[in-house]
Amino acid sequence: MRKKPRFLRQLAQTYERRLGLKWRKPRGSQSKLRKHKKSKGFMPSVSYGTPKALRYLHPSGFREVLVNDIKDLEKIDASKEAVKISHGVGKKKRQEILKKAEEKKIKVLNP
């Protein structure tokens, strides 16, 4: 699978910081980028999307599941899903979740 190009805003290379690298759709009537001229850069389109099977996956290949307590671990399929412990979980409960996940051989993405 080819790497996606960096989608730069029109004329971003000529202005150092003012425009930044954030993408904005070119709307000018004579815009070379809007007309897809070869040397003027790339515009995002549907064709650059990832396959449906690979969407929303963690780089490790697992689907991320947010967990708040130990009960949530019972619903998880260890072969397909990995756990991300919620931000609001305290130290004591976090350790319990980690212990239970280790017993069930569930991968934890933020131990």
PDB file of N, CA and C in Angstrom:
ATOM      1  N   MET A   1       0.835  -1.179   0.000  1.00  0.00           N
ATOM      2  CA  MET A   1       0.000   0.000   0.000  1.00  0.00           C
ATOM      3  C   MET A   1       0.885   1.250   0.000  1.00  0.00           C
ATOM      4  N   ARG A   2       0.592   2.177  -0.875  1.00  0.00           N
ATOM      5  CA  ARG A   2       1.403   3.379  -0.978  1.00  0.00           C
ATOM      6  C   ARG A   2       1.155   4.329   0.178  1.00  0.00           C
ATOM      7  N   LYS A   3       2.180   5.114   0.489  1.00  0.00           N
ATOM      8  CA  LYS A   3       2.050   6.112   1.550  1.00  0.00           C
ATOM      9  C   LYS A   3       1.265   7.305   1.017  1.00  0.00           C
ATOM     10  N   LYS A   4       0.403   7.876   1.869  1.00  0.00           N
ATOM     11  CA  LYS A   4      -0.373   9.048   1.470  1.00  0.00           C
ATOM     12  C   LYS A   4       0.539  10.266   1.365  1.00  0.00           C
ATOM     13  N   PRO A   5       0.298  11.148   0.398  1.00  0.00           N
ATOM     14  CA  PRO A   5       1.098  12.378   0.322  1.00  0.00           C
ATOM     15  C   PRO A   5       0.684  13.344   1.425  1.00  0.00           C
ATOM     16  N   ARG A   6       1.548  14.300   1.720  1.00  0.00           N
ATOM     17  CA  ARG A   6       1.174  15.354   2.670  1.00  0.00           C
ATOM     18  C   ARG A   6       0.283  16.338   1.930  1.00  0.00           C
ATOM     19  N   PHE A   7      -0.896  16.549   2.435  1.00  0.00           N
ATOM     20  CA  PHE A   7      -1.817  17.466   1.796  1.00  0.00           C
ATOM     21  C   PHE A   7      -1.572  18.861   2.340  1.00  0.00           C
ATOM     22  N   LEU A   8      -0.826  19.666   1.579  1.00  0.00           N
ATOM     23  CA  LEU A   8      -0.499  21.016   2.013  1.00  0.00           C
ATOM     24  C   LEU A   8      -1.497  22.012   1.455  1.00  0.00           C
ATOM     25  N   ARG A   9      -1.756  23.029   2.230  1.00  0.00           N
ATOM     26  CA  ARG A   9      -2.612  24.109   1.785  1.00  0.00           C
ATOM     27  C   ARG A   9      -1.959  24.806   0.596  1.00  0.00           C
ATOM     28  N   GLN A  10      -2.750  25.364  -0.296  1.00  0.00           N
ATOM     29  CA  GLN A  10      -2.242  26.038  -1.484  1.00  0.00           C
ATOM     30  C   GLN A  10      -1.257  27.147  -1.095  1.00  0.00           C
ATOM     31  N   LEU A  11      -0.098  27.154  -1.726  1.00  0.00           N
ATOM     32  CA  LEU A  11       0.973  28.122  -1.497  1.00  0.00           C
ATOM     33  C   LEU A  11       1.583  28.057  -0.095  1.00  0.00           C
ATOM     34  N   ALA A  12       1.404  26.954   0.623  1.00  0.00           N
ATOM     35  CA  ALA A  12       1.948  26.830   1.977  1.00  0.00           C
ATOM     36  C   ALA A  12       3.473  26.882   1.963  1.00  0.00           C
ATOM     37  N   GLN A  13       4.081  26.415   0.875  1.00  0.00           N
ATOM     38  CA  GLN A  13       5.547  26.409   0.820  1.00  0.00           C
ATOM     39  C   GLN A  13       6.124  27.813   0.640  1.00  0.00           C
ATOM     40  N   THR A  14       5.336  28.775   0.154  1.00  0.00           N
ATOM     41  CA  THR A  14       5.857  30.119  -0.051  1.00  0.00           C
ATOM     42  C   THR A  14       5.778  30.967   1.215  1.00  0.00           C
ATOM     43  N   TYR A  15       4.796  30.686   2.071  1.00  0.00           N
ATOM     44  CA  TYR A  15       4.682  31.421   3.325  1.00  0.00           C
ATOM     45  C   TYR A  15       5.185  30.525   4.443  1.00  0.00           C
ATOM     46  N   GLU A  16       6.063  31.069   5.292  1.00  0.00           N
ATOM     47  CA  GLU A  16       6.701  30.209   6.275  1.00  0.00           C
ATOM     48  C   GLU A  16       5.744  29.741   7.361  1.00  0.00           C
ATOM     49  N   ARG A  17       5.128  30.693   8.096  1.00  0.00           N
ATOM     50  CA  ARG A  17       4.326  30.261   9.222  1.00  0.00           C
ATOM     51  C   ARG A  17       2.887  30.745   9.160  1.00  0.00           C
ATOM     52  N   ARG A  18       2.633  31.741   8.379  1.00  0.00           N
ATOM     53  CA  ARG A  18       1.326  32.394   8.423  1.00  0.00           C
ATOM     54  C   ARG A  18       0.185  31.429   8.081  1.00  0.00           C
ATOM     55  N   LEU A  19       0.344  30.674   7.007  1.00  0.00           N
ATOM     56  CA  LEU A  19      -0.728  29.788   6.580  1.00  0.00           C
ATOM     57  C   LEU A  19      -0.679  28.442   7.285  1.00  0.00           C
ATOM     58  N   GLY A  20       0.515  28.010   7.668  1.00  0.00           N
ATOM     59  CA  GLY A  20       0.638  26.720   8.323  1.00  0.00           C
ATOM     60  C   GLY A  20       0.430  25.567   7.367  1.00  0.00           C
ATOM     61  N   LEU A  21       0.348  24.386   7.926  1.00  0.00           N
ATOM     62  CA  LEU A  21       0.231  23.186   7.105  1.00  0.00           C
ATOM     63  C   LEU A  21      -1.190  22.640   7.103  1.00  0.00           C
ATOM     64  N   LYS A  22      -2.115  23.333   7.749  1.00  0.00           N
ATOM     65  CA  LYS A  22      -3.492  22.850   7.832  1.00  0.00           C
ATOM     66  C   LYS A  22      -4.154  22.913   6.456  1.00  0.00           C
ATOM     67  N   TRP A  23      -4.844  21.849   6.077  1.00  0.00           N
ATOM     68  CA  TRP A  23      -5.473  21.780   4.765  1.00  0.00           C
ATOM     69  C   TRP A  23      -6.686  22.681   4.682  1.00  0.00           C
ATOM     70  N   ARG A  24      -6.761  23.460   3.599  1.00  0.00           N
ATOM     71  CA  ARG A  24      -7.951  24.232   3.257  1.00  0.00           C
ATOM     72  C   ARG A  24      -8.226  24.001   1.784  1.00  0.00           C
ATOM     73  N   LYS A  25      -9.481  23.771   1.441  1.00  0.00           N
ATOM     74  CA  LYS A  25      -9.816  23.496   0.054  1.00  0.00           C
ATOM     75  C   LYS A  25      -9.644  24.744  -0.799  1.00  0.00           C
ATOM     76  N   PRO A  26      -8.923  24.639  -1.934  1.00  0.00           N
ATOM     77  CA  PRO A  26      -8.766  25.790  -2.816  1.00  0.00           C
ATOM     78  C   PRO A  26     -10.073  26.094  -3.550  1.00  0.00           C
ATOM     79  N   ARG A  27     -10.495  27.361  -3.522  1.00  0.00           N
ATOM     80  CA  ARG A  27     -11.790  27.710  -4.117  1.00  0.00           C
ATOM     81  C   ARG A  27     -11.688  28.739  -5.242  1.00  0.00           C
ATOM     82  N   GLY A  28     -10.495  29.146  -5.575  1.00  0.00           N
ATOM     83  CA  GLY A  28     -10.334  30.153  -6.613  1.00  0.00           C
ATOM     84  C   GLY A  28     -10.686  29.626  -7.997  1.00  0.00           C
ATOM     85  N   SER A  29     -11.218  30.495  -8.840  1.00  0.00           N
ATOM     86  CA  SER A  29     -11.641  30.062 -10.171  1.00  0.00           C
ATOM     87  C   SER A  29     -10.465  29.662 -11.051  1.00  0.00           C
ATOM     88  N   GLN A  30      -9.293  30.279 -10.810  1.00  0.00           N
ATOM     89  CA  GLN A  30      -8.120  29.964 -11.633  1.00  0.00           C
ATOM     90  C   GLN A  30      -7.085  29.129 -10.874  1.00  0.00           C
ATOM     91  N   SER A  31      -7.460  28.594  -9.728  1.00  0.00           N
ATOM     92  CA  SER A  31      -6.538  27.853  -8.875  1.00  0.00           C
ATOM     93  C   SER A  31      -5.990  26.620  -9.589  1.00  0.00           C
ATOM     94  N   LYS A  32      -4.672  26.519  -9.644  1.00  0.00           N
ATOM     95  CA  LYS A  32      -4.021  25.380 -10.311  1.00  0.00           C
ATOM     96  C   LYS A  32      -4.203  24.101  -9.483  1.00  0.00           C
ATOM     97  N   LEU A  33      -4.192  24.252  -8.184  1.00  0.00           N
ATOM     98  CA  LEU A  33      -4.366  23.078  -7.324  1.00  0.00           C
ATOM     99  C   LEU A  33      -5.783  22.521  -7.455  1.00  0.00           C
ATOM    100  N   ARG A  34      -6.792  23.391  -7.519  1.00  0.00           N
ATOM    101  CA  ARG A  34      -8.174  22.946  -7.674  1.00  0.00           C
ATOM    102  C   ARG A  34      -8.379  22.246  -9.015  1.00  0.00           C
ATOM    103  N   LYS A  35      -7.637  22.702 -10.043  1.00  0.00           N
ATOM    104  CA  LYS A  35      -7.749  22.105 -11.377  1.00  0.00           C
ATOM    105  C   LYS A  35      -6.865  20.869 -11.550  1.00  0.00           C
ATOM    106  N   HIS A  36      -6.195  20.454 -10.464  1.00  0.00           N
ATOM    107  CA  HIS A  36      -5.352  19.254 -10.447  1.00  0.00           C
ATOM    108  C   HIS A  36      -4.185  19.323 -11.422  1.00  0.00           C
ATOM    109  N   LYS A  37      -3.524  20.467 -11.506  1.00  0.00           N
ATOM    110  CA  LYS A  37      -2.310  20.563 -12.312  1.00  0.00           C
ATOM    111  C   LYS A  37      -1.220  19.713 -11.656  1.00  0.00           C
ATOM    112  N   LYS A  38      -0.422  19.059 -12.491  1.00  0.00           N
ATOM    113  CA  LYS A  38       0.483  18.016 -12.033  1.00  0.00           C
ATOM    114  C   LYS A  38       1.459  18.455 -10.932  1.00  0.00           C
ATOM    115  N   SER A  39       2.114  19.581 -11.092  1.00  0.00           N
ATOM    116  CA  SER A  39       3.185  19.960 -10.175  1.00  0.00           C
ATOM    117  C   SER A  39       2.718  20.784  -8.981  1.00  0.00           C
ATOM    118  N   LYS A  40       1.428  20.979  -8.821  1.00  0.00           N
ATOM    119  CA  LYS A  40       0.953  21.908  -7.796  1.00  0.00           C
ATOM    120  C   LYS A  40       0.580  21.247  -6.473  1.00  0.00           C
ATOM    121  N   GLY A  41       0.747  19.945  -6.353  1.00  0.00           N
ATOM    122  CA  GLY A  41       0.462  19.276  -5.090  1.00  0.00           C
ATOM    123  C   GLY A  41      -0.736  18.353  -5.193  1.00  0.00           C
ATOM    124  N   PHE A  42      -1.133  17.814  -4.066  1.00  0.00           N
ATOM    125  CA  PHE A  42      -2.204  16.825  -4.027  1.00  0.00           C
ATOM    126  C   PHE A  42      -3.392  17.345  -3.242  1.00  0.00           C
ATOM    127  N   MET A  43      -4.591  16.951  -3.696  1.00  0.00           N
ATOM    128  CA  MET A  43      -5.813  17.284  -2.977  1.00  0.00           C
ATOM    129  C   MET A  43      -6.394  16.014  -2.379  1.00  0.00           C
ATOM    130  N   PRO A  44      -6.876  16.070  -1.134  1.00  0.00           N
ATOM    131  CA  PRO A  44      -7.478  14.880  -0.542  1.00  0.00           C
ATOM    132  C   PRO A  44      -8.712  14.452  -1.320  1.00  0.00           C
ATOM    133  N   SER A  45      -8.925  13.149  -1.442  1.00  0.00           N
ATOM    134  CA  SER A  45     -10.121  12.630  -2.080  1.00  0.00           C
ATOM    135  C   SER A  45     -10.438  11.259  -1.489  1.00  0.00           C
ATOM    136  N   VAL A  46     -11.587  10.727  -1.813  1.00  0.00           N
ATOM    137  CA  VAL A  46     -12.038   9.449  -1.278  1.00  0.00           C
ATOM    138  C   VAL A  46     -11.063   8.329  -1.624  1.00  0.00           C
ATOM    139  N   SER A  47     -10.411   8.429  -2.743  1.00  0.00           N
ATOM    140  CA  SER A  47      -9.532   7.353  -3.193  1.00  0.00           C
ATOM    141  C   SER A  47      -8.320   7.136  -2.283  1.00  0.00           C
ATOM    142  N   TYR A  48      -8.003   8.100  -1.428  1.00  0.00           N
ATOM    143  CA  TYR A  48      -6.878   7.936  -0.506  1.00  0.00           C
ATOM    144  C   TYR A  48      -7.276   7.204   0.773  1.00  0.00           C
ATOM    145  N   GLY A  49      -8.556   6.874   0.945  1.00  0.00           N
ATOM    146  CA  GLY A  49      -9.028   6.231   2.172  1.00  0.00           C
ATOM    147  C   GLY A  49      -8.453   4.831   2.356  1.00  0.00           C
ATOM    148  N   THR A  50      -8.401   4.384   3.604  1.00  0.00           N
ATOM    149  CA  THR A  50      -7.905   3.042   3.896  1.00  0.00           C
ATOM    150  C   THR A  50      -9.025   2.024   3.686  1.00  0.00           C
ATOM    151  N   PRO A  51      -8.680   0.762   3.460  1.00  0.00           N
ATOM    152  CA  PRO A  51      -9.703  -0.269   3.303  1.00  0.00           C
ATOM    153  C   PRO A  51     -10.565  -0.390   4.556  1.00  0.00           C
ATOM    154  N   LYS A  52     -11.822  -0.794   4.389  1.00  0.00           N
ATOM    155  CA  LYS A  52     -12.763  -0.852   5.502  1.00  0.00           C
ATOM    156  C   LYS A  52     -12.280  -1.764   6.622  1.00  0.00           C
ATOM    157  N   ALA A  53     -11.626  -2.855   6.255  1.00  0.00           N
ATOM    158  CA  ALA A  53     -11.168  -3.816   7.254  1.00  0.00           C
ATOM    159  C   ALA A  53     -10.078  -3.236   8.157  1.00  0.00           C
ATOM    160  N   LEU A  54      -9.322  -2.263   7.662  1.00  0.00           N
ATOM    161  CA  LEU A  54      -8.209  -1.699   8.430  1.00  0.00           C
ATOM    162  C   LEU A  54      -8.577  -0.416   9.172  1.00  0.00           C
ATOM    163  N   ARG A  55      -9.771   0.123   8.940  1.00  0.00           N
ATOM    164  CA  ARG A  55     -10.154   1.378   9.574  1.00  0.00           C
ATOM    165  C   ARG A  55     -10.331   1.233  11.076  1.00  0.00           C
ATOM    166  N   TYR A  56      -9.965   2.243  11.810  1.00  0.00           N
ATOM    167  CA  TYR A  56     -10.119   2.342  13.272  1.00  0.00           C
ATOM    168  C   TYR A  56      -9.296   1.310  14.035  1.00  0.00           C
ATOM    169  N   LEU A  57      -8.268   0.762  13.428  1.00  0.00           N
ATOM    170  CA  LEU A  57      -7.412  -0.176  14.131  1.00  0.00           C
ATOM    171  C   LEU A  57      -6.218   0.551  14.743  1.00  0.00           C
ATOM    172  N   HIS A  58      -5.765   0.041  15.877  1.00  0.00           N
ATOM    173  CA  HIS A  58      -4.532   0.535  16.501  1.00  0.00           C
ATOM    174  C   HIS A  58      -3.365   0.022  15.655  1.00  0.00           C
ATOM    175  N   PRO A  59      -2.231   0.714  15.643  1.00  0.00           N
ATOM    176  CA  PRO A  59      -1.088   0.226  14.851  1.00  0.00           C
ATOM    177  C   PRO A  59      -0.661  -1.206  15.184  1.00  0.00           C
ATOM    178  N   SER A  60      -0.994  -1.681  16.383  1.00  0.00           N
ATOM    179  CA  SER A  60      -0.657  -3.058  16.763  1.00  0.00           C
ATOM    180  C   SER A  60      -1.556  -4.078  16.059  1.00  0.00           C
ATOM    181  N   GLY A  61      -2.659  -3.606  15.439  1.00  0.00           N
ATOM    182  CA  GLY A  61      -3.557  -4.500  14.723  1.00  0.00           C
ATOM    183  C   GLY A  61      -4.826  -4.835  15.496  1.00  0.00           C
ATOM    184  N   PHE A  62      -4.898  -4.386  16.749  1.00  0.00           N
ATOM    185  CA  PHE A  62      -6.074  -4.644  17.567  1.00  0.00           C
ATOM    186  C   PHE A  62      -7.054  -3.478  17.483  1.00  0.00           C
ATOM    187  N   ARG A  63      -8.337  -3.777  17.761  1.00  0.00           N
ATOM    188  CA  ARG A  63      -9.354  -2.728  17.869  1.00  0.00           C
ATOM    189  C   ARG A  63      -9.335  -2.213  19.308  1.00  0.00           C
ATOM    190  N   GLU A  64      -9.333  -0.887  19.484  1.00  0.00           N
ATOM    191  CA  GLU A  64      -9.258  -0.298  20.822  1.00  0.00           C
ATOM    192  C   GLU A  64     -10.615  -0.317  21.508  1.00  0.00           C
ATOM    193  N   VAL A  65     -10.620  -0.689  22.799  1.00  0.00           N
ATOM    194  CA  VAL A  65     -11.837  -0.667  23.601  1.00  0.00           C
ATOM    195  C   VAL A  65     -11.536   0.100  24.881  1.00  0.00           C
ATOM    196  N   LEU A  66     -12.369   1.079  25.203  1.00  0.00           N
ATOM    197  CA  LEU A  66     -12.187   1.886  26.400  1.00  0.00           C
ATOM    198  C   LEU A  66     -12.799   1.162  27.589  1.00  0.00           C
ATOM    199  N   VAL A  67     -12.027   1.059  28.682  1.00  0.00           N
ATOM    200  CA  VAL A  67     -12.454   0.321  29.866  1.00  0.00           C
ATOM    201  C   VAL A  67     -12.475   1.247  31.074  1.00  0.00           C
ATOM    202  N   ASN A  68     -13.574   1.185  31.855  1.00  0.00           N
ATOM    203  CA  ASN A  68     -13.692   1.986  33.070  1.00  0.00           C
ATOM    204  C   ASN A  68     -13.573   1.151  34.337  1.00  0.00           C
ATOM    205  N   ASP A  69     -13.983  -0.114  34.282  1.00  0.00           N
ATOM    206  CA  ASP A  69     -13.859  -0.982  35.448  1.00  0.00           C
ATOM    207  C   ASP A  69     -13.670  -2.441  35.022  1.00  0.00           C
ATOM    208  N   ILE A  70     -13.544  -3.313  36.025  1.00  0.00           N
ATOM    209  CA  ILE A  70     -13.213  -4.719  35.761  1.00  0.00           C
ATOM    210  C   ILE A  70     -14.325  -5.430  34.988  1.00  0.00           C
ATOM    211  N   LYS A  71     -15.578  -5.029  35.184  1.00  0.00           N
ATOM    212  CA  LYS A  71     -16.707  -5.672  34.490  1.00  0.00           C
ATOM    213  C   LYS A  71     -16.579  -5.547  32.975  1.00  0.00           C
ATOM    214  N   ASP A  72     -16.002  -4.441  32.525  1.00  0.00           N
ATOM    215  CA  ASP A  72     -15.850  -4.213  31.082  1.00  0.00           C
ATOM    216  C   ASP A  72     -14.896  -5.219  30.433  1.00  0.00           C
ATOM    217  N   LEU A  73     -13.979  -5.789  31.229  1.00  0.00           N
ATOM    218  CA  LEU A  73     -13.007  -6.742  30.675  1.00  0.00           C
ATOM    219  C   LEU A  73     -13.643  -8.061  30.247  1.00  0.00           C
ATOM    220  N   GLU A  74     -14.804  -8.386  30.831  1.00  0.00           N
ATOM    221  CA  GLU A  74     -15.457  -9.662  30.533  1.00  0.00           C
ATOM    222  C   GLU A  74     -16.003  -9.709  29.106  1.00  0.00           C
ATOM    223  N   LYS A  75     -16.289  -8.541  28.532  1.00  0.00           N
ATOM    224  CA  LYS A  75     -16.882  -8.475  27.190  1.00  0.00           C
ATOM    225  C   LYS A  75     -15.841  -8.498  26.070  1.00  0.00           C
ATOM    226  N   ILE A  76     -14.557  -8.513  26.441  1.00  0.00           N
ATOM    227  CA  ILE A  76     -13.495  -8.310  25.444  1.00  0.00           C
ATOM    228  C   ILE A  76     -12.984  -9.629  24.869  1.00  0.00           C
ATOM    229  N   ASP A  77     -12.811  -9.646  23.545  1.00  0.00           N
ATOM    230  CA  ASP A  77     -12.224 -10.777  22.832  1.00  0.00           C
ATOM    231  C   ASP A  77     -10.723 -10.504  22.689  1.00  0.00           C
ATOM    232  N   ALA A  78      -9.916 -11.264  23.408  1.00  0.00           N
ATOM    233  CA  ALA A  78      -8.472 -10.994  23.483  1.00  0.00           C
ATOM    234  C   ALA A  78      -7.757 -11.149  22.149  1.00  0.00           C
ATOM    235  N   SER A  79      -8.325 -11.924  21.223  1.00  0.00           N
ATOM    236  CA  SER A  79      -7.644 -12.140  19.947  1.00  0.00           C
ATOM    237  C   SER A  79      -7.805 -10.957  18.992  1.00  0.00           C
ATOM    238  N   LYS A  80      -8.875 -10.163  19.162  1.00  0.00           N
ATOM    239  CA  LYS A  80      -9.146  -9.060  18.244  1.00  0.00           C
ATOM    240  C   LYS A  80      -9.066  -7.686  18.873  1.00  0.00           C
ATOM    241  N   GLU A  81      -9.261  -7.598  20.189  1.00  0.00           N
ATOM    242  CA  GLU A  81      -9.396  -6.297  20.846  1.00  0.00           C
ATOM    243  C   GLU A  81      -8.316  -6.069  21.890  1.00  0.00           C
ATOM    244  N   ALA A  82      -7.926  -4.802  22.042  1.00  0.00           N
ATOM    245  CA  ALA A  82      -6.979  -4.388  23.071  1.00  0.00           C
ATOM    246  C   ALA A  82      -7.658  -3.336  23.944  1.00  0.00           C
ATOM    247  N   VAL A  83      -7.194  -3.216  25.173  1.00  0.00           N
ATOM    248  CA  VAL A  83      -7.838  -2.361  26.165  1.00  0.00           C
ATOM    249  C   VAL A  83      -7.094  -1.048  26.322  1.00  0.00           C
ATOM    250  N   LYS A  84      -7.860   0.027  26.433  1.00  0.00           N
ATOM    251  CA  LYS A  84      -7.318   1.326  26.800  1.00  0.00           C
ATOM    252  C   LYS A  84      -8.043   1.751  28.071  1.00  0.00           C
ATOM    253  N   ILE A  85      -7.314   1.917  29.174  1.00  0.00           N
ATOM    254  CA  ILE A  85      -7.939   2.260  30.445  1.00  0.00           C
ATOM    255  C   ILE A  85      -8.301   3.741  30.437  1.00  0.00           C
ATOM    256  N   SER A  86      -9.528   4.027  30.867  1.00  0.00           N
ATOM    257  CA  SER A  86     -10.058   5.387  30.839  1.00  0.00           C
ATOM    258  C   SER A  86      -9.217   6.339  31.691  1.00  0.00           C
ATOM    259  N   HIS A  87      -9.189   7.593  31.303  1.00  0.00           N
ATOM    260  CA  HIS A  87      -8.375   8.620  31.966  1.00  0.00           C
ATOM    261  C   HIS A  87      -8.781   8.826  33.425  1.00  0.00           C
ATOM    262  N   GLY A  88     -10.069   8.713  33.713  1.00  0.00           N
ATOM    263  CA  GLY A  88     -10.570   9.001  35.054  1.00  0.00           C
ATOM    264  C   GLY A  88     -10.368   7.893  36.060  1.00  0.00           C
ATOM    265  N   VAL A  89      -9.837   6.737  35.643  1.00  0.00           N
ATOM    266  CA  VAL A  89      -9.633   5.614  36.558  1.00  0.00           C
ATOM    267  C   VAL A  89      -8.442   5.898  37.463  1.00  0.00           C
ATOM    268  N   GLY A  90      -8.639   5.665  38.768  1.00  0.00           N
ATOM    269  CA  GLY A  90      -7.581   5.930  39.749  1.00  0.00           C
ATOM    270  C   GLY A  90      -6.521   4.847  39.779  1.00  0.00           C
ATOM    271  N   LYS A  91      -5.507   5.076  40.617  1.00  0.00           N
ATOM    272  CA  LYS A  91      -4.355   4.178  40.680  1.00  0.00           C
ATOM    273  C   LYS A  91      -4.740   2.781  41.176  1.00  0.00           C
ATOM    274  N   LYS A  92      -5.573   2.728  42.223  1.00  0.00           N
ATOM    275  CA  LYS A  92      -5.954   1.452  42.836  1.00  0.00           C
ATOM    276  C   LYS A  92      -6.748   0.577  41.851  1.00  0.00           C
ATOM    277  N   LYS A  93      -7.766   1.167  41.228  1.00  0.00           N
ATOM    278  CA  LYS A  93      -8.600   0.411  40.292  1.00  0.00           C
ATOM    279  C   LYS A  93      -7.816   0.054  39.033  1.00  0.00           C
ATOM    280  N   ARG A  94      -6.901   0.950  38.620  1.00  0.00           N
ATOM    281  CA  ARG A  94      -6.058   0.699  37.444  1.00  0.00           C
ATOM    282  C   ARG A  94      -5.219  -0.552  37.651  1.00  0.00           C
ATOM    283  N   GLN A  95      -4.647  -0.704  38.861  1.00  0.00           N
ATOM    284  CA  GLN A  95      -3.828  -1.878  39.152  1.00  0.00           C
ATOM    285  C   GLN A  95      -4.658  -3.158  39.124  1.00  0.00           C
ATOM    286  N   GLU A  96      -5.905  -3.078  39.624  1.00  0.00           N
ATOM    287  CA  GLU A  96      -6.794  -4.238  39.589  1.00  0.00           C
ATOM    288  C   GLU A  96      -7.113  -4.631  38.144  1.00  0.00           C
ATOM    289  N   ILE A  97      -7.377  -3.623  37.316  1.00  0.00           N
ATOM    290  CA  ILE A  97      -7.683  -3.884  35.902  1.00  0.00           C
ATOM    291  C   ILE A  97      -6.484  -4.519  35.208  1.00  0.00           C
ATOM    292  N   LEU A  98      -5.288  -4.013  35.479  1.00  0.00           N
ATOM    293  CA  LEU A  98      -4.070  -4.555  34.869  1.00  0.00           C
ATOM    294  C   LEU A  98      -3.850  -6.014  35.274  1.00  0.00           C
ATOM    295  N   LYS A  99      -4.107  -6.323  36.555  1.00  0.00           N
ATOM    296  CA  LYS A  99      -3.929  -7.694  37.037  1.00  0.00           C
ATOM    297  C   LYS A  99      -4.911  -8.646  36.347  1.00  0.00           C
ATOM    298  N   LYS A 100      -6.167  -8.214  36.254  1.00  0.00           N
ATOM    299  CA  LYS A 100      -7.211  -9.033  35.621  1.00  0.00           C
ATOM    300  C   LYS A 100      -6.927  -9.225  34.122  1.00  0.00           C
ATOM    301  N   ALA A 101      -6.441  -8.157  33.472  1.00  0.00           N
ATOM    302  CA  ALA A 101      -6.110  -8.234  32.041  1.00  0.00           C
ATOM    303  C   ALA A 101      -4.950  -9.198  31.803  1.00  0.00           C
ATOM    304  N   GLU A 102      -4.003  -9.211  32.728  1.00  0.00           N
ATOM    305  CA  GLU A 102      -2.861 -10.115  32.591  1.00  0.00           C
ATOM    306  C   GLU A 102      -3.312 -11.576  32.726  1.00  0.00           C
ATOM    307  N   GLU A 103      -4.258 -11.821  33.642  1.00  0.00           N
ATOM    308  CA  GLU A 103      -4.793 -13.182  33.814  1.00  0.00           C
ATOM    309  C   GLU A 103      -5.501 -13.655  32.548  1.00  0.00           C
ATOM    310  N   LYS A 104      -6.276 -12.764  31.937  1.00  0.00           N
ATOM    311  CA  LYS A 104      -7.034 -13.116  30.733  1.00  0.00           C
ATOM    312  C   LYS A 104      -6.218 -12.966  29.454  1.00  0.00           C
ATOM    313  N   LYS A 105      -4.963 -12.549  29.574  1.00  0.00           N
ATOM    314  CA  LYS A 105      -4.051 -12.332  28.452  1.00  0.00           C
ATOM    315  C   LYS A 105      -4.602 -11.314  27.447  1.00  0.00           C
ATOM    316  N   ILE A 106      -5.083 -10.194  27.993  1.00  0.00           N
ATOM    317  CA  ILE A 106      -5.592  -9.090  27.175  1.00  0.00           C
ATOM    318  C   ILE A 106      -4.518  -8.012  27.117  1.00  0.00           C
ATOM    319  N   LYS A 107      -4.259  -7.501  25.938  1.00  0.00           N
ATOM    320  CA  LYS A 107      -3.244  -6.453  25.760  1.00  0.00           C
ATOM    321  C   LYS A 107      -3.791  -5.115  26.252  1.00  0.00           C
ATOM    322  N   VAL A 108      -2.976  -4.411  27.066  1.00  0.00           N
ATOM    323  CA  VAL A 108      -3.356  -3.091  27.565  1.00  0.00           C
ATOM    324  C   VAL A 108      -2.473  -2.059  26.857  1.00  0.00           C
ATOM    325  N   LEU A 109      -3.104  -1.086  26.211  1.00  0.00           N
ATOM    326  CA  LEU A 109      -2.360  -0.117  25.399  1.00  0.00           C
ATOM    327  C   LEU A 109      -1.753   1.012  26.225  1.00  0.00           C
ATOM    328  N   ASN A 110      -2.337   1.303  27.401  1.00  0.00           N
ATOM    329  CA  ASN A 110      -1.770   2.353  28.252  1.00  0.00           C
ATOM    330  C   ASN A 110      -1.645   1.877  29.695  1.00  0.00           C
ATOM    331  N   PRO A 111      -0.690   0.982  29.971  1.00  0.00           N
ATOM    332  CA  PRO A 111      -0.554   0.436  31.333  1.00  0.00           C
ATOM    333  C   PRO A 111      -0.056   1.478  32.337  1.00  0.00           C
TER     334      PRO A 111
END
